Amino acid sequence: TVPTVGIAGHMLVNPPVRLVEEILAKVASGELAP
């Protein structure tokens, strides 16, 4: 299933862009560990 997105090992299958932004921000801030 694509698009699938991975952010520091967190995998999102066919995510809305706002979820991509949210996870990206959480990983960048350290709130979400890789």
Full PDB file with SEQRES, HELIX, SHEET, SSBOND, CRYST1, ORIGX, SCALE, CONECT and MASTER records, all heavy atoms in Angstrom:
SEQRES   1 A   34  THR VAL PRO THR VAL GLY ILE ALA GLY HIS MET LEU VAL          
SEQRES   2 A   34  ASN PRO PRO VAL ARG LEU VAL GLU GLU ILE LEU ALA LYS          
SEQRES   3 A   34  VAL ALA SER GLY GLU LEU ALA PRO                              
HELIX    1 AA1 VAL A   17  SER A   29  1                                  13    
SHEET    1 AA1 2 THR A   4  ILE A   7  0                                        
SHEET    2 AA1 2 HIS A  10  VAL A  13 -1                                        
CRYST1    1.000    1.000    1.000  90.00  90.00  90.00 P 1           1          
ORIGX1      1.000000  0.000000  0.000000        0.00000                         
ORIGX2      0.000000  1.000000  0.000000        0.00000                         
ORIGX3      0.000000  0.000000  1.000000        0.00000                         
SCALE1      1.000000  0.000000  0.000000        0.00000                         
SCALE2      0.000000  1.000000  0.000000        0.00000                         
SCALE3      0.000000  0.000000  1.000000        0.00000                         
ATOM      1  N   THR A   1       0.840  -1.192   0.000  1.00  0.00           N  
ATOM      2  CA  THR A   1       0.000   0.000   0.000  1.00  0.00           C  
ATOM      3  C   THR A   1       0.876   1.242   0.000  1.00  0.00           C  
ATOM      4  O   THR A   1       1.705   1.418   0.886  1.00  0.00           O  
ATOM      5  CB  THR A   1      -0.917   0.022   1.236  1.00  0.00           C  
ATOM      6  OG1 THR A   1      -1.673  -1.185   1.274  1.00  0.00           O  
ATOM      7  CG2 THR A   1      -1.866   1.217   1.189  1.00  0.00           C  
ATOM      8  N   VAL A   2       0.697   2.075  -1.013  1.00  0.00           N  
ATOM      9  CA  VAL A   2       1.423   3.339  -1.064  1.00  0.00           C  
ATOM     10  C   VAL A   2       0.406   4.461  -1.272  1.00  0.00           C  
ATOM     11  O   VAL A   2      -0.675   4.211  -1.793  1.00  0.00           O  
ATOM     12  CB  VAL A   2       2.489   3.348  -2.199  1.00  0.00           C  
ATOM     13  CG1 VAL A   2       3.680   2.512  -1.814  1.00  0.00           C  
ATOM     14  CG2 VAL A   2       1.915   2.899  -3.532  1.00  0.00           C  
ATOM     15  N   PRO A   3       0.716   5.694  -0.866  1.00  0.00           N  
ATOM     16  CA  PRO A   3       1.975   6.073  -0.242  1.00  0.00           C  
ATOM     17  C   PRO A   3       2.093   5.560   1.197  1.00  0.00           C  
ATOM     18  O   PRO A   3       1.118   5.569   1.945  1.00  0.00           O  
ATOM     19  CB  PRO A   3       1.911   7.600  -0.239  1.00  0.00           C  
ATOM     20  CG  PRO A   3       0.445   7.923  -0.188  1.00  0.00           C  
ATOM     21  CD  PRO A   3      -0.207   6.825  -0.999  1.00  0.00           C  
ATOM     22  N   THR A   4       3.287   5.102   1.519  1.00  0.00           N  
ATOM     23  CA  THR A   4       3.624   4.800   2.903  1.00  0.00           C  
ATOM     24  C   THR A   4       4.780   5.716   3.246  1.00  0.00           C  
ATOM     25  O   THR A   4       5.660   5.955   2.412  1.00  0.00           O  
ATOM     26  CB  THR A   4       3.985   3.307   3.080  1.00  0.00           C  
ATOM     27  OG1 THR A   4       2.782   2.531   3.000  1.00  0.00           O  
ATOM     28  CG2 THR A   4       4.637   3.042   4.435  1.00  0.00           C  
ATOM     29  N   VAL A   5       4.751   6.250   4.445  1.00  0.00           N  
ATOM     30  CA  VAL A   5       5.749   7.227   4.862  1.00  0.00           C  
ATOM     31  C   VAL A   5       6.442   6.719   6.114  1.00  0.00           C  
ATOM     32  O   VAL A   5       5.788   6.177   7.012  1.00  0.00           O  
ATOM     33  CB  VAL A   5       5.046   8.579   5.140  1.00  0.00           C  
ATOM     34  CG1 VAL A   5       5.978   9.554   5.824  1.00  0.00           C  
ATOM     35  CG2 VAL A   5       4.514   9.178   3.840  1.00  0.00           C  
ATOM     36  N   GLY A   6       7.762   6.883   6.167  1.00  0.00           N  
ATOM     37  CA  GLY A   6       8.510   6.519   7.363  1.00  0.00           C  
ATOM     38  C   GLY A   6       9.217   7.749   7.909  1.00  0.00           C  
ATOM     39  O   GLY A   6       9.848   8.493   7.152  1.00  0.00           O  
ATOM     40  N   ILE A   7       9.075   7.991   9.208  1.00  0.00           N  
ATOM     41  CA  ILE A   7       9.776   9.106   9.846  1.00  0.00           C  
ATOM     42  C   ILE A   7      10.505   8.537  11.050  1.00  0.00           C  
ATOM     43  O   ILE A   7       9.872   8.136  12.025  1.00  0.00           O  
ATOM     44  CB  ILE A   7       8.797  10.216  10.284  1.00  0.00           C  
ATOM     45  CG1 ILE A   7       7.992  10.729   9.079  1.00  0.00           C  
ATOM     46  CG2 ILE A   7       9.558  11.373  10.958  1.00  0.00           C  
ATOM     47  CD1 ILE A   7       6.734  11.469   9.449  1.00  0.00           C  
ATOM     48  N   ALA A   8      11.822   8.454  10.960  1.00  0.00           N  
ATOM     49  CA  ALA A   8      12.642   7.889  12.034  1.00  0.00           C  
ATOM     50  C   ALA A   8      12.109   6.528  12.477  1.00  0.00           C  
ATOM     51  O   ALA A   8      12.077   6.206  13.654  1.00  0.00           O  
ATOM     52  CB  ALA A   8      12.706   8.858  13.212  1.00  0.00           C  
ATOM     53  N   GLY A   9      11.657   5.735  11.504  1.00  0.00           N  
ATOM     54  CA  GLY A   9      11.182   4.393  11.814  1.00  0.00           C  
ATOM     55  C   GLY A   9       9.708   4.295  12.164  1.00  0.00           C  
ATOM     56  O   GLY A   9       9.177   3.207  12.318  1.00  0.00           O  
ATOM     57  N   HIS A  10       9.028   5.434  12.290  1.00  0.00           N  
ATOM     58  CA  HIS A  10       7.582   5.416  12.522  1.00  0.00           C  
ATOM     59  C   HIS A  10       6.901   5.346  11.162  1.00  0.00           C  
ATOM     60  O   HIS A  10       7.070   6.248  10.354  1.00  0.00           O  
ATOM     61  CB  HIS A  10       7.131   6.676  13.273  1.00  0.00           C  
ATOM     62  CG  HIS A  10       7.712   6.766  14.650  1.00  0.00           C  
ATOM     63  ND1 HIS A  10       7.140   6.162  15.752  1.00  0.00           N  
ATOM     64  CD2 HIS A  10       8.845   7.360  15.103  1.00  0.00           C  
ATOM     65  CE1 HIS A  10       7.890   6.395  16.816  1.00  0.00           C  
ATOM     66  NE2 HIS A  10       8.931   7.118  16.458  1.00  0.00           N  
ATOM     67  N   MET A  11       6.182   4.263  10.914  1.00  0.00           N  
ATOM     68  CA  MET A  11       5.603   4.048   9.594  1.00  0.00           C  
ATOM     69  C   MET A  11       4.137   4.460   9.556  1.00  0.00           C  
ATOM     70  O   MET A  11       3.358   4.119  10.449  1.00  0.00           O  
ATOM     71  CB  MET A  11       5.736   2.568   9.207  1.00  0.00           C  
ATOM     72  CG  MET A  11       7.169   2.047   9.208  1.00  0.00           C  
ATOM     73  SD  MET A  11       8.321   2.967   8.123  1.00  0.00           S  
ATOM     74  CE  MET A  11       7.622   2.560   6.507  1.00  0.00           C  
ATOM     75  N   LEU A  12       3.786   5.218   8.520  1.00  0.00           N  
ATOM     76  CA  LEU A  12       2.414   5.683   8.328  1.00  0.00           C  
ATOM     77  C   LEU A  12       1.945   5.213   6.958  1.00  0.00           C  
ATOM     78  O   LEU A  12       2.579   5.529   5.956  1.00  0.00           O  
ATOM     79  CB  LEU A  12       2.362   7.213   8.383  1.00  0.00           C  
ATOM     80  CG  LEU A  12       3.049   7.896   9.577  1.00  0.00           C  
ATOM     81  CD1 LEU A  12       3.123   9.399   9.352  1.00  0.00           C  
ATOM     82  CD2 LEU A  12       2.301   7.589  10.857  1.00  0.00           C  
ATOM     83  N   VAL A  13       0.859   4.463   6.918  1.00  0.00           N  
ATOM     84  CA  VAL A  13       0.343   3.954   5.647  1.00  0.00           C  
ATOM     85  C   VAL A  13      -0.755   4.885   5.141  1.00  0.00           C  
ATOM     86  O   VAL A  13      -1.740   5.110   5.824  1.00  0.00           O  
ATOM     87  CB  VAL A  13      -0.181   2.512   5.800  1.00  0.00           C  
ATOM     88  CG1 VAL A  13      -0.734   1.993   4.471  1.00  0.00           C  
ATOM     89  CG2 VAL A  13       0.934   1.596   6.300  1.00  0.00           C  
ATOM     90  N   ASN A  14      -0.523   5.446   3.953  1.00  0.00           N  
ATOM     91  CA  ASN A  14      -1.455   6.377   3.312  1.00  0.00           C  
ATOM     92  C   ASN A  14      -1.936   7.465   4.284  1.00  0.00           C  
ATOM     93  O   ASN A  14      -3.141   7.647   4.473  1.00  0.00           O  
ATOM     94  CB  ASN A  14      -2.642   5.615   2.716  1.00  0.00           C  
ATOM     95  CG  ASN A  14      -3.424   6.465   1.725  1.00  0.00           C  
ATOM     96  OD1 ASN A  14      -3.027   7.577   1.369  1.00  0.00           O  
ATOM     97  ND2 ASN A  14      -4.546   5.958   1.276  1.00  0.00           N  
ATOM     98  N   PRO A  15      -1.009   8.204   4.894  1.00  0.00           N  
ATOM     99  CA  PRO A  15      -1.408   9.190   5.898  1.00  0.00           C  
ATOM    100  C   PRO A  15      -1.852  10.510   5.276  1.00  0.00           C  
ATOM    101  O   PRO A  15      -1.402  10.862   4.194  1.00  0.00           O  
ATOM    102  CB  PRO A  15      -0.105   9.423   6.665  1.00  0.00           C  
ATOM    103  CG  PRO A  15       0.952   9.280   5.596  1.00  0.00           C  
ATOM    104  CD  PRO A  15       0.444   8.188   4.676  1.00  0.00           C  
ATOM    105  N   PRO A  16      -2.730  11.248   5.976  1.00  0.00           N  
ATOM    106  CA  PRO A  16      -2.984  12.631   5.558  1.00  0.00           C  
ATOM    107  C   PRO A  16      -1.739  13.460   5.866  1.00  0.00           C  
ATOM    108  O   PRO A  16      -0.994  13.134   6.789  1.00  0.00           O  
ATOM    109  CB  PRO A  16      -4.167  13.060   6.423  1.00  0.00           C  
ATOM    110  CG  PRO A  16      -4.150  12.142   7.601  1.00  0.00           C  
ATOM    111  CD  PRO A  16      -3.487  10.859   7.149  1.00  0.00           C  
ATOM    112  N   VAL A  17      -1.510  14.512   5.090  1.00  0.00           N  
ATOM    113  CA  VAL A  17      -0.279  15.290   5.251  1.00  0.00           C  
ATOM    114  C   VAL A  17      -0.172  15.888   6.660  1.00  0.00           C  
ATOM    115  O   VAL A  17       0.916  16.003   7.202  1.00  0.00           O  
ATOM    116  CB  VAL A  17      -0.141  16.374   4.150  1.00  0.00           C  
ATOM    117  CG1 VAL A  17      -1.144  17.507   4.358  1.00  0.00           C  
ATOM    118  CG2 VAL A  17       1.288  16.922   4.111  1.00  0.00           C  
ATOM    119  N   ARG A  18      -1.303  16.211   7.289  1.00  0.00           N  
ATOM    120  CA  ARG A  18      -1.211  16.802   8.637  1.00  0.00           C  
ATOM    121  C   ARG A  18      -0.633  15.810   9.640  1.00  0.00           C  
ATOM    122  O   ARG A  18       0.049  16.199  10.581  1.00  0.00           O  
ATOM    123  CB  ARG A  18      -2.551  17.365   9.100  1.00  0.00           C  
ATOM    124  CG  ARG A  18      -3.612  16.341   9.325  1.00  0.00           C  
ATOM    125  CD  ARG A  18      -4.906  16.940   9.872  1.00  0.00           C  
ATOM    126  NE  ARG A  18      -5.860  15.856  10.082  1.00  0.00           N  
ATOM    127  CZ  ARG A  18      -6.574  15.315   9.105  1.00  0.00           C  
ATOM    128  NH1 ARG A  18      -6.466  15.759   7.868  1.00  0.00           N  
ATOM    129  NH2 ARG A  18      -7.399  14.323   9.370  1.00  0.00           N  
ATOM    130  N   LEU A  19      -0.891  14.508   9.433  1.00  0.00           N  
ATOM    131  CA  LEU A  19      -0.319  13.499  10.318  1.00  0.00           C  
ATOM    132  C   LEU A  19       1.192  13.401  10.087  1.00  0.00           C  
ATOM    133  O   LEU A  19       1.965  13.271  11.031  1.00  0.00           O  
ATOM    134  CB  LEU A  19      -0.989  12.141  10.088  1.00  0.00           C  
ATOM    135  CG  LEU A  19      -0.488  11.004  10.989  1.00  0.00           C  
ATOM    136  CD1 LEU A  19      -0.763  11.307  12.466  1.00  0.00           C  
ATOM    137  CD2 LEU A  19      -1.138   9.684  10.597  1.00  0.00           C  
ATOM    138  N   VAL A  20       1.603  13.489   8.829  1.00  0.00           N  
ATOM    139  CA  VAL A  20       3.036  13.473   8.507  1.00  0.00           C  
ATOM    140  C   VAL A  20       3.721  14.631   9.224  1.00  0.00           C  
ATOM    141  O   VAL A  20       4.756  14.456   9.876  1.00  0.00           O  
ATOM    142  CB  VAL A  20       3.273  13.568   6.979  1.00  0.00           C  
ATOM    143  CG1 VAL A  20       4.762  13.661   6.670  1.00  0.00           C  
ATOM    144  CG2 VAL A  20       2.648  12.374   6.257  1.00  0.00           C  
ATOM    145  N   GLU A  21       3.125  15.818   9.127  1.00  0.00           N  
ATOM    146  CA  GLU A  21       3.690  17.008   9.785  1.00  0.00           C  
ATOM    147  C   GLU A  21       3.758  16.832  11.291  1.00  0.00           C  
ATOM    148  O   GLU A  21       4.730  17.199  11.938  1.00  0.00           O  
ATOM    149  CB  GLU A  21       2.834  18.239   9.476  1.00  0.00           C  
ATOM    150  CG  GLU A  21       2.984  18.738   8.068  1.00  0.00           C  
ATOM    151  CD  GLU A  21       2.211  20.028   7.847  1.00  0.00           C  
ATOM    152  OE1 GLU A  21       0.971  20.003   7.995  1.00  0.00           O  
ATOM    153  OE2 GLU A  21       2.846  21.044   7.557  1.00  0.00           O  
ATOM    154  N   GLU A  22       2.694  16.258  11.856  1.00  0.00           N  
ATOM    155  CA  GLU A  22       2.603  16.061  13.302  1.00  0.00           C  
ATOM    156  C   GLU A  22       3.706  15.120  13.795  1.00  0.00           C  
ATOM    157  O   GLU A  22       4.397  15.422  14.773  1.00  0.00           O  
ATOM    158  CB  GLU A  22       1.223  15.473  13.595  1.00  0.00           C  
ATOM    159  CG  GLU A  22       0.779  15.539  15.029  1.00  0.00           C  
ATOM    160  CD  GLU A  22      -0.610  14.914  15.172  1.00  0.00           C  
ATOM    161  OE1 GLU A  22      -1.564  15.401  14.518  1.00  0.00           O  
ATOM    162  OE2 GLU A  22      -0.724  13.934  15.925  1.00  0.00           O  
ATOM    163  N   ILE A  23       3.854  13.975  13.127  1.00  0.00           N  
ATOM    164  CA  ILE A  23       4.872  12.998  13.538  1.00  0.00           C  
ATOM    165  C   ILE A  23       6.264  13.585  13.335  1.00  0.00           C  
ATOM    166  O   ILE A  23       7.147  13.427  14.184  1.00  0.00           O  
ATOM    167  CB  ILE A  23       4.711  11.668  12.756  1.00  0.00           C  
ATOM    168  CG1 ILE A  23       3.328  11.051  13.004  1.00  0.00           C  
ATOM    169  CG2 ILE A  23       5.822  10.682  13.121  1.00  0.00           C  
ATOM    170  CD1 ILE A  23       3.038  10.618  14.426  1.00  0.00           C  
ATOM    171  N   LEU A  24       6.471  14.279  12.223  1.00  0.00           N  
ATOM    172  CA  LEU A  24       7.756  14.923  11.939  1.00  0.00           C  
ATOM    173  C   LEU A  24       8.116  15.898  13.062  1.00  0.00           C  
ATOM    174  O   LEU A  24       9.237  15.900  13.573  1.00  0.00           O  
ATOM    175  CB  LEU A  24       7.670  15.650  10.592  1.00  0.00           C  
ATOM    176  CG  LEU A  24       8.972  16.090   9.934  1.00  0.00           C  
ATOM    177  CD1 LEU A  24       9.916  14.918   9.707  1.00  0.00           C  
ATOM    178  CD2 LEU A  24       8.676  16.777   8.616  1.00  0.00           C  
ATOM    179  N   ALA A  25       7.151  16.713  13.463  1.00  0.00           N  
ATOM    180  CA  ALA A  25       7.384  17.693  14.527  1.00  0.00           C  
ATOM    181  C   ALA A  25       7.694  17.007  15.856  1.00  0.00           C  
ATOM    182  O   ALA A  25       8.594  17.430  16.591  1.00  0.00           O  
ATOM    183  CB  ALA A  25       6.162  18.599  14.678  1.00  0.00           C  
ATOM    184  N   LYS A  26       6.980  15.920  16.153  1.00  0.00           N  
ATOM    185  CA  LYS A  26       7.199  15.205  17.419  1.00  0.00           C  
ATOM    186  C   LYS A  26       8.564  14.533  17.449  1.00  0.00           C  
ATOM    187  O   LYS A  26       9.223  14.504  18.489  1.00  0.00           O  
ATOM    188  CB  LYS A  26       6.091  14.173  17.647  1.00  0.00           C  
ATOM    189  CG  LYS A  26       4.784  14.815  18.078  1.00  0.00           C  
ATOM    190  CD  LYS A  26       3.711  13.785  18.348  1.00  0.00           C  
ATOM    191  CE  LYS A  26       2.459  14.469  18.874  1.00  0.00           C  
ATOM    192  NZ  LYS A  26       1.346  13.532  19.030  1.00  0.00           N  
ATOM    193  N   VAL A  27       8.982  13.975  16.301  1.00  0.00           N  
ATOM    194  CA  VAL A  27      10.298  13.341  16.240  1.00  0.00           C  
ATOM    195  C   VAL A  27      11.386  14.420  16.350  1.00  0.00           C  
ATOM    196  O   VAL A  27      12.358  14.269  17.081  1.00  0.00           O  
ATOM    197  CB  VAL A  27      10.457  12.508  14.947  1.00  0.00           C  
ATOM    198  CG1 VAL A  27      11.914  12.072  14.755  1.00  0.00           C  
ATOM    199  CG2 VAL A  27       9.555  11.288  14.992  1.00  0.00           C  
ATOM    200  N   ALA A  28      11.181  15.531  15.638  1.00  0.00           N  
ATOM    201  CA  ALA A  28      12.166  16.623  15.646  1.00  0.00           C  
ATOM    202  C   ALA A  28      12.329  17.223  17.038  1.00  0.00           C  
ATOM    203  O   ALA A  28      13.432  17.578  17.446  1.00  0.00           O  
ATOM    204  CB  ALA A  28      11.758  17.708  14.640  1.00  0.00           C  
ATOM    205  N   SER A  29      11.222  17.320  17.782  1.00  0.00           N  
ATOM    206  CA  SER A  29      11.272  17.914  19.117  1.00  0.00           C  
ATOM    207  C   SER A  29      11.757  16.935  20.178  1.00  0.00           C  
ATOM    208  O   SER A  29      12.017  17.311  21.312  1.00  0.00           O  
ATOM    209  CB  SER A  29       9.892  18.426  19.516  1.00  0.00           C  
ATOM    210  OG  SER A  29       9.040  17.330  19.800  1.00  0.00           O  
ATOM    211  N   GLY A  30      11.823  15.649  19.805  1.00  0.00           N  
ATOM    212  CA  GLY A  30      12.265  14.640  20.762  1.00  0.00           C  
ATOM    213  C   GLY A  30      11.107  14.056  21.561  1.00  0.00           C  
ATOM    214  O   GLY A  30      11.308  13.195  22.397  1.00  0.00           O  
ATOM    215  N   GLU A  31       9.892  14.524  21.293  1.00  0.00           N  
ATOM    216  CA  GLU A  31       8.715  14.002  21.987  1.00  0.00           C  
ATOM    217  C   GLU A  31       8.493  12.534  21.615  1.00  0.00           C  
ATOM    218  O   GLU A  31       8.006  11.739  22.413  1.00  0.00           O  
ATOM    219  CB  GLU A  31       7.496  14.848  21.587  1.00  0.00           C  
ATOM    220  CG  GLU A  31       6.244  14.524  22.373  1.00  0.00           C  
ATOM    221  CD  GLU A  31       5.048  15.345  21.899  1.00  0.00           C  
ATOM    222  OE1 GLU A  31       5.242  16.490  21.424  1.00  0.00           O  
ATOM    223  OE2 GLU A  31       3.926  14.822  21.974  1.00  0.00           O  
ATOM    224  N   LEU A  32       8.865  12.193  20.397  1.00  0.00           N  
ATOM    225  CA  LEU A  32       8.710  10.834  19.890  1.00  0.00           C  
ATOM    226  C   LEU A  32      10.107  10.303  19.571  1.00  0.00           C  
ATOM    227  O   LEU A  32      10.806  10.896  18.757  1.00  0.00           O  
ATOM    228  CB  LEU A  32       7.851  10.894  18.623  1.00  0.00           C  
ATOM    229  CG  LEU A  32       7.029   9.689  18.208  1.00  0.00           C  
ATOM    230  CD1 LEU A  32       6.135   9.200  19.338  1.00  0.00           C  
ATOM    231  CD2 LEU A  32       6.164  10.057  17.009  1.00  0.00           C  
ATOM    232  N   ALA A  33      10.498   9.240  20.233  1.00  0.00           N  
ATOM    233  CA  ALA A  33      11.838   8.678  20.005  1.00  0.00           C  
ATOM    234  C   ALA A  33      11.873   7.923  18.681  1.00  0.00           C  
ATOM    235  O   ALA A  33      10.877   7.316  18.295  1.00  0.00           O  
ATOM    236  CB  ALA A  33      12.211   7.741  21.142  1.00  0.00           C  
ATOM    237  N   PRO A  34      13.006   7.973  17.992  1.00  0.00           N  
ATOM    238  CA  PRO A  34      13.127   7.179  16.764  1.00  0.00           C  
ATOM    239  C   PRO A  34      12.951   5.692  17.058  1.00  0.00           C  
ATOM    240  O   PRO A  34      13.342   5.215  18.113  1.00  0.00           O  
ATOM    241  CB  PRO A  34      14.560   7.463  16.286  1.00  0.00           C  
ATOM    242  CG  PRO A  34      14.934   8.729  16.960  1.00  0.00           C  
ATOM    243  CD  PRO A  34      14.196   8.745  18.267  1.00  0.00           C  
TER     244      PRO A  34                                                      
MASTER        0    0    0    1    2    0    0    6  243    1    0    3          
END                                                                             
